[in-house]
Amino acid sequence: MPKMKTLRGAAKRFKKSKNGIKRGSAFRSHILTKKSQKRKRFLRGSHVVDKADVKAVNLMIQS
């Protein structure tokens, strides 16, 4: 049986860390004028993938 390949799009979006899998925030690329400063500030940092999605992301990044 052949090896499973890493999904390259997922490899660019997710990184393994001690606390779980890090991810960036959506809704940060355009139409920023109507979003409040507080909302944009929260979107700036990295976040951890939710527990429900960890299994699927692990399969995508093969780790």
N, C-alpha and C. Protein backbone atom coordinates (compact mmCIF):
# COMPACT_ATOMS: atom_id res chain seq x y z
N MET A 1 0.85 -1.18 0.00
CA MET A 1 0.00 0.00 0.00
C MET A 1 0.89 1.25 0.00
N PRO A 2 0.61 2.24 -0.85
CA PRO A 2 1.48 3.41 -0.91
C PRO A 2 1.34 4.29 0.33
N LYS A 3 2.36 5.11 0.54
CA LYS A 3 2.33 6.05 1.65
C LYS A 3 1.27 7.11 1.40
N MET A 4 0.69 7.64 2.49
CA MET A 4 -0.25 8.74 2.36
C MET A 4 0.52 10.04 2.22
N LYS A 5 0.08 10.88 1.31
CA LYS A 5 0.77 12.14 1.09
C LYS A 5 0.14 13.24 1.93
N THR A 6 0.98 14.17 2.35
CA THR A 6 0.52 15.35 3.07
C THR A 6 -0.23 16.26 2.11
N LEU A 7 -1.35 16.81 2.55
CA LEU A 7 -2.07 17.80 1.76
C LEU A 7 -1.31 19.12 1.89
N ARG A 8 -0.73 19.58 0.81
CA ARG A 8 0.18 20.72 0.88
C ARG A 8 -0.51 22.01 1.33
N GLY A 9 -1.79 22.17 0.98
CA GLY A 9 -2.51 23.35 1.44
C GLY A 9 -2.66 23.36 2.94
N ALA A 10 -2.90 22.18 3.52
CA ALA A 10 -3.03 22.08 4.97
C ALA A 10 -1.69 22.28 5.66
N ALA A 11 -0.62 21.78 5.04
CA ALA A 11 0.71 21.92 5.63
C ALA A 11 1.11 23.39 5.74
N LYS A 12 0.62 24.22 4.82
CA LYS A 12 0.93 25.64 4.86
C LYS A 12 0.06 26.39 5.87
N ARG A 13 -1.07 25.81 6.27
CA ARG A 13 -2.00 26.50 7.14
C ARG A 13 -1.88 26.12 8.60
N PHE A 14 -1.40 24.93 8.89
CA PHE A 14 -1.36 24.42 10.26
C PHE A 14 0.05 24.08 10.67
N LYS A 15 0.36 24.30 11.97
CA LYS A 15 1.66 23.94 12.52
C LYS A 15 1.44 23.22 13.85
N LYS A 16 2.22 22.18 14.08
CA LYS A 16 2.14 21.47 15.35
C LYS A 16 2.82 22.30 16.43
N SER A 17 2.25 22.31 17.63
CA SER A 17 2.87 22.98 18.75
C SER A 17 2.64 22.14 20.00
N LYS A 18 3.22 22.58 21.11
CA LYS A 18 3.10 21.84 22.36
C LYS A 18 1.64 21.78 22.83
N ASN A 19 0.90 22.84 22.59
CA ASN A 19 -0.48 22.94 23.08
C ASN A 19 -1.52 22.40 22.12
N GLY A 20 -1.10 21.92 20.95
CA GLY A 20 -2.05 21.43 19.96
C GLY A 20 -1.60 21.84 18.58
N ILE A 21 -2.56 22.11 17.72
CA ILE A 21 -2.25 22.51 16.35
C ILE A 21 -2.62 23.98 16.19
N LYS A 22 -1.64 24.79 15.79
CA LYS A 22 -1.88 26.21 15.62
C LYS A 22 -2.49 26.48 14.26
N ARG A 23 -3.33 27.52 14.20
CA ARG A 23 -3.95 27.94 12.96
C ARG A 23 -4.05 29.46 12.96
N GLY A 24 -4.17 30.02 11.78
CA GLY A 24 -4.39 31.45 11.66
C GLY A 24 -5.87 31.77 11.72
N SER A 25 -6.19 33.04 11.62
CA SER A 25 -7.59 33.46 11.68
C SER A 25 -8.13 33.77 10.30
N ALA A 26 -9.39 33.47 10.10
CA ALA A 26 -10.08 33.84 8.87
C ALA A 26 -10.63 35.27 9.03
N PHE A 27 -11.20 35.81 7.98
CA PHE A 27 -11.87 37.12 7.99
C PHE A 27 -10.90 38.26 8.27
N ARG A 28 -9.66 38.15 7.80
CA ARG A 28 -8.65 39.16 8.10
C ARG A 28 -8.02 39.74 6.84
N SER A 29 -8.52 39.35 5.65
CA SER A 29 -7.83 39.74 4.43
C SER A 29 -8.35 41.03 3.80
N HIS A 30 -9.62 41.30 3.88
CA HIS A 30 -10.17 42.50 3.23
C HIS A 30 -11.45 42.91 3.93
N ILE A 31 -12.01 44.05 3.51
CA ILE A 31 -13.19 44.68 4.14
C ILE A 31 -12.95 44.85 5.64
N LEU A 32 -11.82 45.48 5.98
CA LEU A 32 -11.46 45.66 7.38
C LEU A 32 -12.03 46.95 7.96
N THR A 33 -12.56 47.84 7.12
CA THR A 33 -13.00 49.14 7.62
C THR A 33 -14.23 49.01 8.52
N LYS A 34 -15.10 48.06 8.24
CA LYS A 34 -16.32 47.93 9.06
C LYS A 34 -16.13 47.09 10.31
N LYS A 35 -14.96 46.47 10.45
CA LYS A 35 -14.69 45.66 11.64
C LYS A 35 -14.07 46.54 12.72
N SER A 36 -14.45 46.29 13.96
CA SER A 36 -13.94 47.10 15.06
C SER A 36 -12.48 46.77 15.34
N GLN A 37 -11.78 47.71 15.99
CA GLN A 37 -10.38 47.48 16.34
C GLN A 37 -10.23 46.27 17.25
N LYS A 38 -11.16 46.09 18.17
CA LYS A 38 -11.10 44.96 19.10
C LYS A 38 -11.20 43.64 18.34
N ARG A 39 -12.09 43.60 17.36
CA ARG A 39 -12.26 42.38 16.56
C ARG A 39 -11.02 42.08 15.73
N LYS A 40 -10.45 43.11 15.11
CA LYS A 40 -9.25 42.93 14.31
C LYS A 40 -8.06 42.52 15.18
N ARG A 41 -7.98 43.05 16.37
CA ARG A 41 -6.91 42.70 17.29
C ARG A 41 -6.99 41.23 17.69
N PHE A 42 -8.19 40.73 17.92
CA PHE A 42 -8.37 39.33 18.27
C PHE A 42 -8.02 38.41 17.11
N LEU A 43 -8.31 38.84 15.89
CA LEU A 43 -8.02 38.02 14.71
C LEU A 43 -6.53 37.97 14.38
N ARG A 44 -5.75 38.90 14.94
CA ARG A 44 -4.34 39.02 14.59
C ARG A 44 -3.52 37.81 15.02
N GLY A 45 -3.75 37.31 16.22
CA GLY A 45 -2.91 36.24 16.75
C GLY A 45 -3.25 34.88 16.20
N SER A 46 -2.44 33.90 16.59
CA SER A 46 -2.73 32.53 16.18
C SER A 46 -3.61 31.87 17.23
N HIS A 47 -4.33 30.85 16.83
CA HIS A 47 -5.25 30.14 17.71
C HIS A 47 -4.98 28.65 17.61
N VAL A 48 -5.62 27.89 18.50
CA VAL A 48 -5.47 26.44 18.51
C VAL A 48 -6.69 25.84 17.84
N VAL A 49 -6.47 24.80 17.03
CA VAL A 49 -7.56 24.11 16.35
C VAL A 49 -8.47 23.48 17.40
N ASP A 50 -9.77 23.55 17.18
CA ASP A 50 -10.75 23.00 18.11
C ASP A 50 -10.61 21.49 18.24
N LYS A 51 -10.96 20.97 19.40
CA LYS A 51 -10.83 19.54 19.70
C LYS A 51 -11.57 18.67 18.70
N ALA A 52 -12.71 19.15 18.21
CA ALA A 52 -13.51 18.37 17.27
C ALA A 52 -12.83 18.21 15.91
N ASP A 53 -11.91 19.13 15.56
CA ASP A 53 -11.27 19.11 14.25
C ASP A 53 -9.85 18.55 14.26
N VAL A 54 -9.32 18.23 15.43
CA VAL A 54 -7.92 17.81 15.53
C VAL A 54 -7.65 16.54 14.73
N LYS A 55 -8.55 15.58 14.79
CA LYS A 55 -8.34 14.31 14.08
C LYS A 55 -8.26 14.54 12.57
N ALA A 56 -9.15 15.35 12.03
CA ALA A 56 -9.17 15.61 10.60
C ALA A 56 -7.91 16.36 10.16
N VAL A 57 -7.47 17.33 10.95
CA VAL A 57 -6.29 18.10 10.60
C VAL A 57 -5.05 17.21 10.68
N ASN A 58 -4.97 16.35 11.68
CA ASN A 58 -3.85 15.42 11.78
C ASN A 58 -3.74 14.52 10.57
N LEU A 59 -4.88 14.06 10.05
CA LEU A 59 -4.85 13.23 8.85
C LEU A 59 -4.35 14.02 7.65
N MET A 60 -4.70 15.30 7.58
CA MET A 60 -4.27 16.12 6.46
C MET A 60 -2.78 16.41 6.49
N ILE A 61 -2.24 16.63 7.70
CA ILE A 61 -0.82 16.99 7.77
C ILE A 61 0.05 15.79 8.12
N GLN A 62 -0.54 14.61 8.27
CA GLN A 62 0.20 13.35 8.47
C GLN A 62 1.16 13.40 9.64
N SER A 63 0.63 13.68 10.85
CA SER A 63 1.53 13.65 12.01
C SER A 63 0.79 13.19 13.23
